[in-house]
Full PDB file with SEQRES, HELIX, SHEET, SSBOND, CRYST1, ORIGX, SCALE, CONECT and MASTER records, all heavy atoms in Angstrom:
SEQRES   1 A   43  GLU ILE ASN VAL SER GLU ARG MET PRO GLU ASP CYS ASP          
SEQRES   2 A   43  PRO THR GLY PHE HIS ARG SER LEU LEU ASP ALA ILE ASN          
SEQRES   3 A   43  GLU LEU ALA ARG ALA TYR GLY TRP PRO GLY VAL THR ILE          
SEQRES   4 A   43  CYS HIS ALA LEU                                              
HELIX    1 AA1 PRO A   14  TYR A   32  1                                  19    
CRYST1    1.000    1.000    1.000  90.00  90.00  90.00 P 1           1          
ORIGX1      1.000000  0.000000  0.000000        0.00000                         
ORIGX2      0.000000  1.000000  0.000000        0.00000                         
ORIGX3      0.000000  0.000000  1.000000        0.00000                         
SCALE1      1.000000  0.000000  0.000000        0.00000                         
SCALE2      0.000000  1.000000  0.000000        0.00000                         
SCALE3      0.000000  0.000000  1.000000        0.00000                         
ATOM      1  N   GLU A   1       0.785  -1.179  -0.008  1.00  0.00           N  
ATOM      2  CA  GLU A   1      -0.022  -0.018   0.019  1.00  0.00           C  
ATOM      3  C   GLU A   1       0.861   1.246  -0.036  1.00  0.00           C  
ATOM      4  O   GLU A   1       1.927   1.239   0.524  1.00  0.00           O  
ATOM      5  CB  GLU A   1      -0.842   0.014   1.268  1.00  0.00           C  
ATOM      6  CG  GLU A   1      -2.130  -0.683   1.165  1.00  0.00           C  
ATOM      7  CD  GLU A   1      -3.062  -0.466   2.389  1.00  0.00           C  
ATOM      8  OE1 GLU A   1      -2.650   0.286   3.372  1.00  0.00           O  
ATOM      9  OE2 GLU A   1      -4.186  -1.030   2.340  1.00  0.00           O  
ATOM     10  N   ILE A   2       0.310   2.267  -0.564  1.00  0.00           N  
ATOM     11  CA  ILE A   2       0.868   3.644  -0.484  1.00  0.00           C  
ATOM     12  C   ILE A   2      -0.229   4.446   0.196  1.00  0.00           C  
ATOM     13  O   ILE A   2      -1.361   4.548  -0.164  1.00  0.00           O  
ATOM     14  CB  ILE A   2       1.155   4.316  -1.842  1.00  0.00           C  
ATOM     15  CG1 ILE A   2       2.258   3.424  -2.578  1.00  0.00           C  
ATOM     16  CG2 ILE A   2       1.553   5.673  -1.723  1.00  0.00           C  
ATOM     17  CD1 ILE A   2       2.517   3.842  -4.014  1.00  0.00           C  
ATOM     18  N   ASN A   3       0.211   5.023   1.424  1.00  0.00           N  
ATOM     19  CA  ASN A   3      -0.783   5.924   2.116  1.00  0.00           C  
ATOM     20  C   ASN A   3      -0.087   7.299   2.166  1.00  0.00           C  
ATOM     21  O   ASN A   3       0.938   7.378   2.727  1.00  0.00           O  
ATOM     22  CB  ASN A   3      -0.999   5.317   3.516  1.00  0.00           C  
ATOM     23  CG  ASN A   3      -1.734   4.074   3.465  1.00  0.00           C  
ATOM     24  OD1 ASN A   3      -3.018   4.057   3.161  1.00  0.00           O  
ATOM     25  ND2 ASN A   3      -1.079   2.909   3.677  1.00  0.00           N  
ATOM     26  N   VAL A   4      -0.781   8.267   1.638  1.00  0.00           N  
ATOM     27  CA  VAL A   4      -0.241   9.624   1.629  1.00  0.00           C  
ATOM     28  C   VAL A   4      -1.338  10.545   2.146  1.00  0.00           C  
ATOM     29  O   VAL A   4      -2.531  10.498   1.861  1.00  0.00           O  
ATOM     30  CB  VAL A   4       0.080  10.046   0.216  1.00  0.00           C  
ATOM     31  CG1 VAL A   4       0.552  11.449   0.136  1.00  0.00           C  
ATOM     32  CG2 VAL A   4       1.141   9.121  -0.416  1.00  0.00           C  
ATOM     33  N   SER A   5      -0.921  11.462   3.158  1.00  0.00           N  
ATOM     34  CA  SER A   5      -1.831  12.475   3.633  1.00  0.00           C  
ATOM     35  C   SER A   5      -1.042  13.775   3.529  1.00  0.00           C  
ATOM     36  O   SER A   5       0.097  13.871   3.856  1.00  0.00           O  
ATOM     37  CB  SER A   5      -2.104  12.193   5.111  1.00  0.00           C  
ATOM     38  OG  SER A   5      -2.851  11.020   5.260  1.00  0.00           O  
ATOM     39  N   GLU A   6      -1.795  14.751   3.118  1.00  0.00           N  
ATOM     40  CA  GLU A   6      -1.201  16.147   3.176  1.00  0.00           C  
ATOM     41  C   GLU A   6      -2.242  17.216   3.409  1.00  0.00           C  
ATOM     42  O   GLU A   6      -3.454  17.058   2.984  1.00  0.00           O  
ATOM     43  CB  GLU A   6      -0.615  16.404   1.720  1.00  0.00           C  
ATOM     44  CG  GLU A   6       0.271  17.630   1.694  1.00  0.00           C  
ATOM     45  CD  GLU A   6       1.323  17.512   0.666  1.00  0.00           C  
ATOM     46  OE1 GLU A   6       1.765  16.484   0.389  1.00  0.00           O  
ATOM     47  OE2 GLU A   6       1.727  18.673   0.178  1.00  0.00           O  
ATOM     48  N   ARG A   7      -1.837  18.266   4.008  1.00  0.00           N  
ATOM     49  CA  ARG A   7      -2.742  19.431   4.319  1.00  0.00           C  
ATOM     50  C   ARG A   7      -2.765  20.395   3.127  1.00  0.00           C  
ATOM     51  O   ARG A   7      -1.763  20.813   2.702  1.00  0.00           O  
ATOM     52  CB  ARG A   7      -2.281  20.144   5.600  1.00  0.00           C  
ATOM     53  CG  ARG A   7      -3.220  21.289   6.041  1.00  0.00           C  
ATOM     54  CD  ARG A   7      -2.597  21.988   7.214  1.00  0.00           C  
ATOM     55  NE  ARG A   7      -2.135  21.052   8.278  1.00  0.00           N  
ATOM     56  CZ  ARG A   7      -2.918  20.636   9.293  1.00  0.00           C  
ATOM     57  NH1 ARG A   7      -4.154  21.111   9.485  1.00  0.00           N  
ATOM     58  NH2 ARG A   7      -2.366  19.863  10.170  1.00  0.00           N  
ATOM     59  N   MET A   8      -3.968  20.684   2.727  1.00  0.00           N  
ATOM     60  CA  MET A   8      -4.129  21.715   1.606  1.00  0.00           C  
ATOM     61  C   MET A   8      -4.078  23.106   2.200  1.00  0.00           C  
ATOM     62  O   MET A   8      -4.834  23.464   3.021  1.00  0.00           O  
ATOM     63  CB  MET A   8      -5.449  21.508   0.931  1.00  0.00           C  
ATOM     64  CG  MET A   8      -5.592  22.279  -0.354  1.00  0.00           C  
ATOM     65  SD  MET A   8      -6.909  21.926  -1.394  1.00  0.00           S  
ATOM     66  CE  MET A   8      -8.334  22.554  -0.527  1.00  0.00           C  
ATOM     67  N   PRO A   9      -3.098  23.901   1.750  1.00  0.00           N  
ATOM     68  CA  PRO A   9      -3.050  25.305   2.210  1.00  0.00           C  
ATOM     69  C   PRO A   9      -4.349  26.019   1.873  1.00  0.00           C  
ATOM     70  O   PRO A   9      -5.002  25.701   0.937  1.00  0.00           O  
ATOM     71  CB  PRO A   9      -1.860  25.866   1.349  1.00  0.00           C  
ATOM     72  CG  PRO A   9      -1.091  24.727   0.908  1.00  0.00           C  
ATOM     73  CD  PRO A   9      -2.080  23.578   0.738  1.00  0.00           C  
ATOM     74  N   GLU A  10      -4.659  27.032   2.715  1.00  0.00           N  
ATOM     75  CA  GLU A  10      -5.851  27.867   2.539  1.00  0.00           C  
ATOM     76  C   GLU A  10      -6.029  28.525   1.168  1.00  0.00           C  
ATOM     77  O   GLU A  10      -7.039  28.539   0.536  1.00  0.00           O  
ATOM     78  CB  GLU A  10      -5.949  28.937   3.608  1.00  0.00           C  
ATOM     79  CG  GLU A  10      -6.150  28.410   5.102  1.00  0.00           C  
ATOM     80  CD  GLU A  10      -7.552  27.976   5.303  1.00  0.00           C  
ATOM     81  OE1 GLU A  10      -8.518  28.397   4.606  1.00  0.00           O  
ATOM     82  OE2 GLU A  10      -7.703  27.156   6.149  1.00  0.00           O  
ATOM     83  N   ASP A  11      -4.889  29.041   0.676  1.00  0.00           N  
ATOM     84  CA  ASP A  11      -4.846  29.892  -0.539  1.00  0.00           C  
ATOM     85  C   ASP A  11      -4.445  28.985  -1.833  1.00  0.00           C  
ATOM     86  O   ASP A  11      -3.919  29.537  -2.778  1.00  0.00           O  
ATOM     87  CB  ASP A  11      -3.974  31.074  -0.457  1.00  0.00           C  
ATOM     88  CG  ASP A  11      -2.555  30.661  -0.103  1.00  0.00           C  
ATOM     89  OD1 ASP A  11      -2.292  29.503   0.188  1.00  0.00           O  
ATOM     90  OD2 ASP A  11      -1.665  31.565  -0.166  1.00  0.00           O  
ATOM     91  N   CYS A  12      -4.738  27.687  -1.793  1.00  0.00           N  
ATOM     92  CA  CYS A  12      -4.208  26.755  -2.737  1.00  0.00           C  
ATOM     93  C   CYS A  12      -5.398  26.458  -3.738  1.00  0.00           C  
ATOM     94  O   CYS A  12      -6.573  26.367  -3.456  1.00  0.00           O  
ATOM     95  CB  CYS A  12      -3.823  25.481  -2.030  1.00  0.00           C  
ATOM     96  SG  CYS A  12      -3.279  24.201  -3.122  1.00  0.00           S  
ATOM     97  N   ASP A  13      -4.989  26.280  -5.010  1.00  0.00           N  
ATOM     98  CA  ASP A  13      -5.852  25.795  -6.041  1.00  0.00           C  
ATOM     99  C   ASP A  13      -6.079  24.295  -5.801  1.00  0.00           C  
ATOM    100  O   ASP A  13      -5.138  23.494  -5.848  1.00  0.00           O  
ATOM    101  CB  ASP A  13      -5.205  26.036  -7.481  1.00  0.00           C  
ATOM    102  CG  ASP A  13      -5.947  25.235  -8.520  1.00  0.00           C  
ATOM    103  OD1 ASP A  13      -7.176  25.332  -8.506  1.00  0.00           O  
ATOM    104  OD2 ASP A  13      -5.225  24.578  -9.360  1.00  0.00           O  
ATOM    105  N   PRO A  14      -7.345  23.906  -5.530  1.00  0.00           N  
ATOM    106  CA  PRO A  14      -7.601  22.473  -5.221  1.00  0.00           C  
ATOM    107  C   PRO A  14      -7.168  21.514  -6.316  1.00  0.00           C  
ATOM    108  O   PRO A  14      -6.625  20.498  -6.011  1.00  0.00           O  
ATOM    109  CB  PRO A  14      -9.109  22.382  -4.989  1.00  0.00           C  
ATOM    110  CG  PRO A  14      -9.501  23.834  -4.598  1.00  0.00           C  
ATOM    111  CD  PRO A  14      -8.515  24.669  -5.378  1.00  0.00           C  
ATOM    112  N   THR A  15      -7.395  21.845  -7.517  1.00  0.00           N  
ATOM    113  CA  THR A  15      -7.026  21.010  -8.678  1.00  0.00           C  
ATOM    114  C   THR A  15      -5.553  20.732  -8.683  1.00  0.00           C  
ATOM    115  O   THR A  15      -5.014  19.696  -8.826  1.00  0.00           O  
ATOM    116  CB  THR A  15      -7.564  21.526 -10.030  1.00  0.00           C  
ATOM    117  OG1 THR A  15      -8.964  21.618  -9.883  1.00  0.00           O  
ATOM    118  CG2 THR A  15      -7.197  20.572 -11.099  1.00  0.00           C  
ATOM    119  N   GLY A  16      -4.798  21.795  -8.532  1.00  0.00           N  
ATOM    120  CA  GLY A  16      -3.315  21.781  -8.485  1.00  0.00           C  
ATOM    121  C   GLY A  16      -2.833  20.891  -7.289  1.00  0.00           C  
ATOM    122  O   GLY A  16      -1.907  20.137  -7.438  1.00  0.00           O  
ATOM    123  N   PHE A  17      -3.450  21.128  -6.137  1.00  0.00           N  
ATOM    124  CA  PHE A  17      -3.040  20.327  -4.991  1.00  0.00           C  
ATOM    125  C   PHE A  17      -3.376  18.855  -5.186  1.00  0.00           C  
ATOM    126  O   PHE A  17      -2.523  18.053  -4.868  1.00  0.00           O  
ATOM    127  CB  PHE A  17      -3.978  20.840  -3.787  1.00  0.00           C  
ATOM    128  CG  PHE A  17      -3.776  20.028  -2.594  1.00  0.00           C  
ATOM    129  CD1 PHE A  17      -2.705  20.146  -1.795  1.00  0.00           C  
ATOM    130  CD2 PHE A  17      -4.764  19.066  -2.190  1.00  0.00           C  
ATOM    131  CE1 PHE A  17      -2.469  19.317  -0.656  1.00  0.00           C  
ATOM    132  CE2 PHE A  17      -4.646  18.291  -1.028  1.00  0.00           C  
ATOM    133  CZ  PHE A  17      -3.517  18.473  -0.305  1.00  0.00           C  
ATOM    134  N   HIS A  18      -4.552  18.539  -5.797  1.00  0.00           N  
ATOM    135  CA  HIS A  18      -4.843  17.122  -5.988  1.00  0.00           C  
ATOM    136  C   HIS A  18      -3.843  16.510  -7.047  1.00  0.00           C  
ATOM    137  O   HIS A  18      -3.347  15.395  -6.786  1.00  0.00           O  
ATOM    138  CB  HIS A  18      -6.270  16.995  -6.519  1.00  0.00           C  
ATOM    139  CG  HIS A  18      -7.281  17.327  -5.503  1.00  0.00           C  
ATOM    140  ND1 HIS A  18      -8.394  18.050  -5.905  1.00  0.00           N  
ATOM    141  CD2 HIS A  18      -7.410  17.056  -4.218  1.00  0.00           C  
ATOM    142  CE1 HIS A  18      -9.117  18.248  -4.791  1.00  0.00           C  
ATOM    143  NE2 HIS A  18      -8.520  17.644  -3.759  1.00  0.00           N  
ATOM    144  N   ARG A  19      -3.526  17.220  -8.063  1.00  0.00           N  
ATOM    145  CA  ARG A  19      -2.608  16.688  -9.051  1.00  0.00           C  
ATOM    146  C   ARG A  19      -1.228  16.518  -8.507  1.00  0.00           C  
ATOM    147  O   ARG A  19      -0.563  15.511  -8.793  1.00  0.00           O  
ATOM    148  CB  ARG A  19      -2.522  17.705 -10.235  1.00  0.00           C  
ATOM    149  CG  ARG A  19      -3.768  17.572 -11.165  1.00  0.00           C  
ATOM    150  CD  ARG A  19      -3.474  18.281 -12.436  1.00  0.00           C  
ATOM    151  NE  ARG A  19      -4.589  18.039 -13.395  1.00  0.00           N  
ATOM    152  CZ  ARG A  19      -5.258  19.009 -13.933  1.00  0.00           C  
ATOM    153  NH1 ARG A  19      -4.996  20.212 -13.775  1.00  0.00           N  
ATOM    154  NH2 ARG A  19      -6.298  18.639 -14.745  1.00  0.00           N  
ATOM    155  N   SER A  20      -0.863  17.423  -7.636  1.00  0.00           N  
ATOM    156  CA  SER A  20       0.565  17.298  -6.962  1.00  0.00           C  
ATOM    157  C   SER A  20       0.536  15.991  -6.086  1.00  0.00           C  
ATOM    158  O   SER A  20       1.528  15.265  -6.107  1.00  0.00           O  
ATOM    159  CB  SER A  20       0.779  18.513  -6.156  1.00  0.00           C  
ATOM    160  OG  SER A  20       1.924  18.363  -5.351  1.00  0.00           O  
ATOM    161  N   LEU A  21      -0.533  15.801  -5.359  1.00  0.00           N  
ATOM    162  CA  LEU A  21      -0.546  14.569  -4.594  1.00  0.00           C  
ATOM    163  C   LEU A  21      -0.590  13.370  -5.402  1.00  0.00           C  
ATOM    164  O   LEU A  21       0.150  12.316  -5.032  1.00  0.00           O  
ATOM    165  CB  LEU A  21      -1.759  14.658  -3.620  1.00  0.00           C  
ATOM    166  CG  LEU A  21      -1.807  13.834  -2.366  1.00  0.00           C  
ATOM    167  CD1 LEU A  21      -0.595  14.023  -1.436  1.00  0.00           C  
ATOM    168  CD2 LEU A  21      -3.050  13.964  -1.608  1.00  0.00           C  
ATOM    169  N   LEU A  22      -1.307  13.394  -6.425  1.00  0.00           N  
ATOM    170  CA  LEU A  22      -1.337  12.173  -7.355  1.00  0.00           C  
ATOM    171  C   LEU A  22      -0.038  11.979  -8.000  1.00  0.00           C  
ATOM    172  O   LEU A  22       0.425  10.768  -8.186  1.00  0.00           O  
ATOM    173  CB  LEU A  22      -2.486  12.354  -8.373  1.00  0.00           C  
ATOM    174  CG  LEU A  22      -3.870  12.380  -7.764  1.00  0.00           C  
ATOM    175  CD1 LEU A  22      -4.871  12.760  -8.831  1.00  0.00           C  
ATOM    176  CD2 LEU A  22      -4.280  11.059  -7.120  1.00  0.00           C  
ATOM    177  N   ASP A  23       0.671  13.068  -8.358  1.00  0.00           N  
ATOM    178  CA  ASP A  23       1.976  12.841  -8.930  1.00  0.00           C  
ATOM    179  C   ASP A  23       3.008  12.166  -7.898  1.00  0.00           C  
ATOM    180  O   ASP A  23       3.766  11.343  -8.378  1.00  0.00           O  
ATOM    181  CB  ASP A  23       2.603  14.207  -9.389  1.00  0.00           C  
ATOM    182  CG  ASP A  23       1.949  14.861 -10.589  1.00  0.00           C  
ATOM    183  OD1 ASP A  23       1.213  14.069 -11.370  1.00  0.00           O  
ATOM    184  OD2 ASP A  23       2.127  16.042 -10.813  1.00  0.00           O  
ATOM    185  N   ALA A  24       2.875  12.592  -6.724  1.00  0.00           N  
ATOM    186  CA  ALA A  24       3.700  11.971  -5.648  1.00  0.00           C  
ATOM    187  C   ALA A  24       3.420  10.437  -5.516  1.00  0.00           C  
ATOM    188  O   ALA A  24       4.363   9.674  -5.393  1.00  0.00           O  
ATOM    189  CB  ALA A  24       3.457  12.659  -4.314  1.00  0.00           C  
ATOM    190  N   ILE A  25       2.083  10.144  -5.571  1.00  0.00           N  
ATOM    191  CA  ILE A  25       1.793   8.696  -5.470  1.00  0.00           C  
ATOM    192  C   ILE A  25       2.341   7.932  -6.645  1.00  0.00           C  
ATOM    193  O   ILE A  25       2.874   6.819  -6.521  1.00  0.00           O  
ATOM    194  CB  ILE A  25       0.188   8.568  -5.405  1.00  0.00           C  
ATOM    195  CG1 ILE A  25      -0.232   9.063  -4.074  1.00  0.00           C  
ATOM    196  CG2 ILE A  25      -0.257   7.146  -5.690  1.00  0.00           C  
ATOM    197  CD1 ILE A  25      -1.726   9.255  -3.907  1.00  0.00           C  
ATOM    198  N   ASN A  26       2.226   8.548  -7.873  1.00  0.00           N  
ATOM    199  CA  ASN A  26       2.741   7.885  -9.023  1.00  0.00           C  
ATOM    200  C   ASN A  26       4.256   7.665  -8.929  1.00  0.00           C  
ATOM    201  O   ASN A  26       4.780   6.655  -9.419  1.00  0.00           O  
ATOM    202  CB  ASN A  26       2.372   8.680 -10.298  1.00  0.00           C  
ATOM    203  CG  ASN A  26       0.901   8.467 -10.634  1.00  0.00           C  
ATOM    204  OD1 ASN A  26       0.312   7.425 -10.414  1.00  0.00           O  
ATOM    205  ND2 ASN A  26       0.341   9.546 -11.212  1.00  0.00           N  
ATOM    206  N   GLU A  27       4.974   8.622  -8.409  1.00  0.00           N  
ATOM    207  CA  GLU A  27       6.383   8.496  -8.196  1.00  0.00           C  
ATOM    208  C   GLU A  27       6.744   7.412  -7.204  1.00  0.00           C  
ATOM    209  O   GLU A  27       7.638   6.553  -7.506  1.00  0.00           O  
ATOM    210  CB  GLU A  27       7.046   9.816  -7.652  1.00  0.00           C  
ATOM    211  CG  GLU A  27       7.171  10.918  -8.736  1.00  0.00           C  
ATOM    212  CD  GLU A  27       7.876  12.105  -8.130  1.00  0.00           C  
ATOM    213  OE1 GLU A  27       8.796  11.940  -7.294  1.00  0.00           O  
ATOM    214  OE2 GLU A  27       7.462  13.264  -8.415  1.00  0.00           O  
ATOM    215  N   LEU A  28       5.992   7.225  -6.179  1.00  0.00           N  
ATOM    216  CA  LEU A  28       6.206   6.177  -5.252  1.00  0.00           C  
ATOM    217  C   LEU A  28       5.942   4.793  -5.907  1.00  0.00           C  
ATOM    218  O   LEU A  28       6.721   3.836  -5.703  1.00  0.00           O  
ATOM    219  CB  LEU A  28       5.346   6.369  -4.027  1.00  0.00           C  
ATOM    220  CG  LEU A  28       5.794   7.449  -3.007  1.00  0.00           C  
ATOM    221  CD1 LEU A  28       4.722   7.669  -2.003  1.00  0.00           C  
ATOM    222  CD2 LEU A  28       7.057   7.015  -2.298  1.00  0.00           C  
ATOM    223  N   ALA A  29       4.856   4.806  -6.666  1.00  0.00           N  
ATOM    224  CA  ALA A  29       4.448   3.529  -7.363  1.00  0.00           C  
ATOM    225  C   ALA A  29       5.596   3.085  -8.274  1.00  0.00           C  
ATOM    226  O   ALA A  29       5.988   1.880  -8.306  1.00  0.00           O  
ATOM    227  CB  ALA A  29       3.160   3.709  -8.053  1.00  0.00           C  
ATOM    228  N   ARG A  30       6.153   4.064  -9.032  1.00  0.00           N  
ATOM    229  CA  ARG A  30       7.254   3.726 -10.001  1.00  0.00           C  
ATOM    230  C   ARG A  30       8.460   3.232  -9.133  1.00  0.00           C  
ATOM    231  O   ARG A  30       9.144   2.281  -9.563  1.00  0.00           O  
ATOM    232  CB  ARG A  30       7.670   4.935 -10.838  1.00  0.00           C  
ATOM    233  CG  ARG A  30       6.745   5.182 -12.005  1.00  0.00           C  
ATOM    234  CD  ARG A  30       7.245   6.223 -12.963  1.00  0.00           C  
ATOM    235  NE  ARG A  30       7.440   7.568 -12.335  1.00  0.00           N  
ATOM    236  CZ  ARG A  30       6.468   8.456 -12.249  1.00  0.00           C  
ATOM    237  NH1 ARG A  30       5.259   8.130 -12.713  1.00  0.00           N  
ATOM    238  NH2 ARG A  30       6.622   9.647 -11.748  1.00  0.00           N  
ATOM    239  N   ALA A  31       8.758   3.834  -8.045  1.00  0.00           N  
ATOM    240  CA  ALA A  31       9.879   3.485  -7.222  1.00  0.00           C  
ATOM    241  C   ALA A  31       9.691   1.993  -6.714  1.00  0.00           C  
ATOM    242  O   ALA A  31      10.651   1.268  -6.481  1.00  0.00           O  
ATOM    243  CB  ALA A  31      10.067   4.390  -6.012  1.00  0.00           C  
ATOM    244  N   TYR A  32       8.409   1.627  -6.438  1.00  0.00           N  
ATOM    245  CA  TYR A  32       8.126   0.230  -5.968  1.00  0.00           C  
ATOM    246  C   TYR A  32       8.073  -0.759  -7.156  1.00  0.00           C  
ATOM    247  O   TYR A  32       7.854  -1.962  -6.957  1.00  0.00           O  
ATOM    248  CB  TYR A  32       6.795   0.194  -5.249  1.00  0.00           C  
ATOM    249  CG  TYR A  32       6.786   0.893  -3.954  1.00  0.00           C  
ATOM    250  CD1 TYR A  32       5.622   1.527  -3.525  1.00  0.00           C  
ATOM    251  CD2 TYR A  32       7.883   0.870  -3.122  1.00  0.00           C  
ATOM    252  CE1 TYR A  32       5.606   2.173  -2.300  1.00  0.00           C  
ATOM    253  CE2 TYR A  32       7.849   1.543  -1.918  1.00  0.00           C  
ATOM    254  CZ  TYR A  32       6.761   2.134  -1.486  1.00  0.00           C  
ATOM    255  OH  TYR A  32       6.707   2.787  -0.318  1.00  0.00           O  
ATOM    256  N   GLY A  33       8.158  -0.316  -8.431  1.00  0.00           N  
ATOM    257  CA  GLY A  33       8.109  -1.189  -9.546  1.00  0.00           C  
ATOM    258  C   GLY A  33       6.734  -1.491 -10.033  1.00  0.00           C  
ATOM    259  O   GLY A  33       6.452  -2.364 -10.771  1.00  0.00           O  
ATOM    260  N   TRP A  34       5.682  -0.688  -9.509  1.00  0.00           N  
ATOM    261  CA  TRP A  34       4.386  -0.940  -9.874  1.00  0.00           C  
ATOM    262  C   TRP A  34       4.057  -0.297 -11.280  1.00  0.00           C  
ATOM    263  O   TRP A  34       4.486   0.786 -11.495  1.00  0.00           O  
ATOM    264  CB  TRP A  34       3.346  -0.386  -8.883  1.00  0.00           C  
ATOM    265  CG  TRP A  34       3.527  -0.953  -7.476  1.00  0.00           C  
ATOM    266  CD1 TRP A  34       4.250  -1.995  -7.058  1.00  0.00           C  
ATOM    267  CD2 TRP A  34       2.713  -0.515  -6.354  1.00  0.00           C  
ATOM    268  NE1 TRP A  34       4.043  -2.244  -5.774  1.00  0.00           N  
ATOM    269  CE2 TRP A  34       3.120  -1.340  -5.241  1.00  0.00           C  
ATOM    270  CE3 TRP A  34       1.825   0.462  -6.130  1.00  0.00           C  
ATOM    271  CZ2 TRP A  34       2.554  -1.183  -3.977  1.00  0.00           C  
ATOM    272  CZ3 TRP A  34       1.278   0.656  -4.854  1.00  0.00           C  
ATOM    273  CH2 TRP A  34       1.655  -0.180  -3.827  1.00  0.00           C  
ATOM    274  N   PRO A  35       3.214  -0.888 -12.055  1.00  0.00           N  
ATOM    275  CA  PRO A  35       2.814  -0.316 -13.298  1.00  0.00           C  
ATOM    276  C   PRO A  35       1.877   0.843 -13.066  1.00  0.00           C  
ATOM    277  O   PRO A  35       1.713   1.684 -13.934  1.00  0.00           O  
ATOM    278  CB  PRO A  35       2.117  -1.430 -14.115  1.00  0.00           C  
ATOM    279  CG  PRO A  35       1.739  -2.472 -13.077  1.00  0.00           C  
ATOM    280  CD  PRO A  35       2.741  -2.285 -11.936  1.00  0.00           C  
ATOM    281  N   GLY A  36       1.197   0.878 -12.008  1.00  0.00           N  
ATOM    282  CA  GLY A  36       0.253   1.984 -11.635  1.00  0.00           C  
ATOM    283  C   GLY A  36      -0.373   1.640 -10.314  1.00  0.00           C  
ATOM    284  O   GLY A  36       0.201   0.886  -9.543  1.00  0.00           O  
ATOM    285  N   VAL A  37      -1.455   2.333  -9.951  1.00  0.00           N  
ATOM    286  CA  VAL A  37      -2.138   2.152  -8.713  1.00  0.00           C  
ATOM    287  C   VAL A  37      -3.658   2.020  -8.823  1.00  0.00           C  
ATOM    288  O   VAL A  37      -4.217   2.417  -9.903  1.00  0.00           O  
ATOM    289  CB  VAL A  37      -1.843   3.348  -7.807  1.00  0.00           C  
ATOM    290  CG1 VAL A  37      -0.363   3.459  -7.520  1.00  0.00           C  
ATOM    291  CG2 VAL A  37      -2.395   4.645  -8.351  1.00  0.00           C  
ATOM    292  N   THR A  38      -4.231   1.488  -7.842  1.00  0.00           N  
ATOM    293  CA  THR A  38      -5.665   1.568  -7.646  1.00  0.00           C  
ATOM    294  C   THR A  38      -5.878   2.371  -6.438  1.00  0.00           C  
ATOM    295  O   THR A  38      -5.364   2.063  -5.354  1.00  0.00           O  
ATOM    296  CB  THR A  38      -6.254   0.140  -7.529  1.00  0.00           C  
ATOM    297  OG1 THR A  38      -5.972  -0.605  -8.646  1.00  0.00           O  
ATOM    298  CG2 THR A  38      -7.734   0.191  -7.198  1.00  0.00           C  
ATOM    299  N   ILE A  39      -6.676   3.469  -6.521  1.00  0.00           N  
ATOM    300  CA  ILE A  39      -6.957   4.280  -5.405  1.00  0.00           C  
ATOM    301  C   ILE A  39      -8.147   3.612  -4.560  1.00  0.00           C  
ATOM    302  O   ILE A  39      -9.207   3.416  -5.163  1.00  0.00           O  
ATOM    303  CB  ILE A  39      -7.467   5.765  -5.721  1.00  0.00           C  
ATOM    304  CG1 ILE A  39      -6.349   6.381  -6.571  1.00  0.00           C  
ATOM    305  CG2 ILE A  39      -7.799   6.542  -4.565  1.00  0.00           C  
ATOM    306  CD1 ILE A  39      -6.724   7.724  -7.195  1.00  0.00           C  
ATOM    307  N   CYS A  40      -7.852   3.122  -3.447  1.00  0.00           N  
ATOM    308  CA  CYS A  40      -8.730   2.331  -2.633  1.00  0.00           C  
ATOM    309  C   CYS A  40      -9.663   3.233  -1.720  1.00  0.00           C  
ATOM    310  O   CYS A  40     -10.857   2.946  -1.577  1.00  0.00           O  
ATOM    311  CB  CYS A  40      -8.026   1.322  -1.755  1.00  0.00           C  
ATOM    312  SG  CYS A  40      -7.092   0.201  -2.740  1.00  0.00           S  
ATOM    313  N   HIS A  41      -9.069   4.240  -1.156  1.00  0.00           N  
ATOM    314  CA  HIS A  41      -9.820   5.110  -0.296  1.00  0.00           C  
ATOM    315  C   HIS A  41      -9.357   6.528  -0.436  1.00  0.00           C  
ATOM    316  O   HIS A  41      -8.151   6.796  -0.646  1.00  0.00           O  
ATOM    317  CB  HIS A  41      -9.610   4.678   1.209  1.00  0.00           C  
ATOM    318  CG  HIS A  41      -9.964   3.246   1.522  1.00  0.00           C  
ATOM    319  ND1 HIS A  41     -11.300   2.902   1.565  1.00  0.00           N  
ATOM    320  CD2 HIS A  41      -9.200   2.179   1.697  1.00  0.00           C  
ATOM    321  CE1 HIS A  41     -11.295   1.626   1.816  1.00  0.00           C  
ATOM    322  NE2 HIS A  41      -9.989   1.131   1.910  1.00  0.00           N  
ATOM    323  N   ALA A  42     -10.239   7.452  -0.312  1.00  0.00           N  
ATOM    324  CA  ALA A  42      -9.891   8.919  -0.333  1.00  0.00           C  
ATOM    325  C   ALA A  42     -10.720   9.497   0.811  1.00  0.00           C  
ATOM    326  O   ALA A  42     -11.895   9.241   0.903  1.00  0.00           O  
ATOM    327  CB  ALA A  42     -10.235   9.534  -1.603  1.00  0.00           C  
ATOM    328  N   LEU A  43     -10.013  10.232   1.700  1.00  0.00           N  
ATOM    329  CA  LEU A  43     -10.645  10.778   2.855  1.00  0.00           C  
ATOM    330  C   LEU A  43     -10.292  12.310   2.909  1.00  0.00           C  
ATOM    331  O   LEU A  43      -9.057  12.645   2.887  1.00  0.00           O  
ATOM    332  CB  LEU A  43     -10.261  10.067   4.126  1.00  0.00           C  
ATOM    333  CG  LEU A  43     -10.786  10.610   5.491  1.00  0.00           C  
ATOM    334  CD1 LEU A  43     -12.306  10.599   5.468  1.00  0.00           C  
ATOM    335  CD2 LEU A  43     -10.186   9.942   6.620  1.00  0.00           C  
TER     336      LEU A  43                                                      
MASTER        0    0    0    1    0    0    0    6  335    1    0    4          
END                                                                             
């Protein structure tokens, strides 16, 4: 599993924030040798 949590700044563009978090997840997945991910939970 990859579990990532991050606080969104008050003055942040939500779409950019989400994309940044997803990019970080994709980087971790590549580092683990995974071809991709399945997002199981979002909170």
